[in-house]
Protein backbone atom coordinates (compact mmCIF):
# COMPACT_ATOMS: atom_id res chain seq x y z
CA MET A 1 2.59 -22.70 -18.68
CA THR A 2 1.28 -25.36 -16.34
CA LYS A 3 0.84 -24.94 -12.61
CA SER A 4 3.86 -27.11 -11.86
CA GLU A 5 6.02 -25.08 -14.26
CA TYR A 6 4.84 -21.85 -12.65
CA LEU A 7 5.66 -23.13 -9.17
CA ALA A 8 9.10 -24.24 -10.37
CA TYR A 9 9.71 -20.78 -11.88
CA ARG A 10 8.62 -19.10 -8.63
CA ARG A 11 11.07 -21.23 -6.66
CA SER A 12 13.84 -20.49 -9.17
CA ILE A 13 13.10 -16.75 -9.03
CA LYS A 14 13.35 -16.88 -5.25
CA ASP A 15 16.70 -18.70 -5.44
CA ASN A 16 18.31 -17.08 -8.49
CA GLY A 17 16.46 -13.84 -9.23
CA LEU A 18 14.05 -12.81 -11.95
CA ARG A 19 16.64 -11.76 -14.53
CA TYR A 20 18.36 -15.14 -14.42
CA VAL A 21 15.10 -17.07 -14.77
CA LEU A 22 13.88 -14.88 -17.64
CA SER A 23 17.08 -15.53 -19.55
CA HIS A 24 16.77 -19.31 -19.11
CA CYS A 25 13.09 -19.98 -19.86
CA SER A 26 11.09 -19.99 -23.07
CA LYS A 27 9.98 -16.70 -24.66
CA PRO A 28 6.24 -17.08 -23.93
CA ASP A 29 6.97 -18.04 -20.33
CA SER A 30 9.38 -15.14 -19.91
CA TYR A 31 6.73 -12.68 -21.13
CA THR A 32 4.18 -14.13 -18.72
CA LEU A 33 6.60 -14.03 -15.78
CA ALA A 34 7.65 -10.46 -16.57
CA LYS A 35 4.00 -9.32 -16.72
CA LEU A 36 3.23 -11.05 -13.42
CA ASP A 37 6.24 -9.38 -11.80
CA ILE A 38 5.11 -5.95 -13.01
CA LEU A 39 1.59 -6.53 -11.70
CA ALA A 40 2.86 -7.78 -8.34
CA ASN A 41 5.03 -4.70 -7.82
CA MET A 42 2.59 -2.00 -8.95
CA VAL A 43 1.85 0.88 -6.62
CA ASP A 44 -1.69 1.13 -5.30
CA LEU A 45 -2.46 4.59 -6.70
CA LEU A 46 -5.82 4.93 -4.99
CA ALA A 47 -4.32 4.29 -1.54
CA TRP A 48 -1.46 6.67 -2.36
CA ARG A 49 -3.88 9.46 -3.36
CA VAL A 50 -6.04 8.93 -0.27
CA LYS A 51 -2.94 9.22 1.88
CA TRP A 52 -1.89 12.38 0.04
CA ILE A 53 -5.33 14.01 0.33
CA ASN A 54 -5.38 13.38 4.07
CA GLN A 55 -2.18 15.42 4.47
CA SER A 56 -2.53 19.09 5.18
CA ASP A 57 0.45 19.98 2.96
CA THR A 58 -0.86 21.38 -0.34
CA THR A 59 2.30 22.92 -1.72
CA LYS A 60 2.85 23.27 -5.45
CA LYS A 61 5.25 20.30 -5.39
CA ASN A 62 2.59 18.02 -3.90
CA VAL A 63 -0.11 19.19 -6.31
CA ILE A 64 2.17 18.42 -9.27
CA LYS A 65 3.02 15.05 -7.71
CA LEU A 66 -0.66 14.16 -7.36
CA THR A 67 -1.67 15.15 -10.87
CA SER A 68 1.35 13.62 -12.65
CA ILE A 69 1.23 10.23 -14.34
CA ILE A 70 3.27 7.66 -12.45
CA LEU A 71 4.60 4.74 -14.51
């Protein structure tokens, strides 16, 4: 995927949505765009854990929440 193609896909995603663009582009480009979308929307787990540790609430629910895998 070239830079101009990527910029065109970004504009199309903004106008039409990711699902529409993925269904209308080539397979390799759709895989790349889907991976980039996943990476862009990932939760910052380190910041989340720092925020949790700074809370004084250490109930069982919060301990399970901290030690669980989030994906």
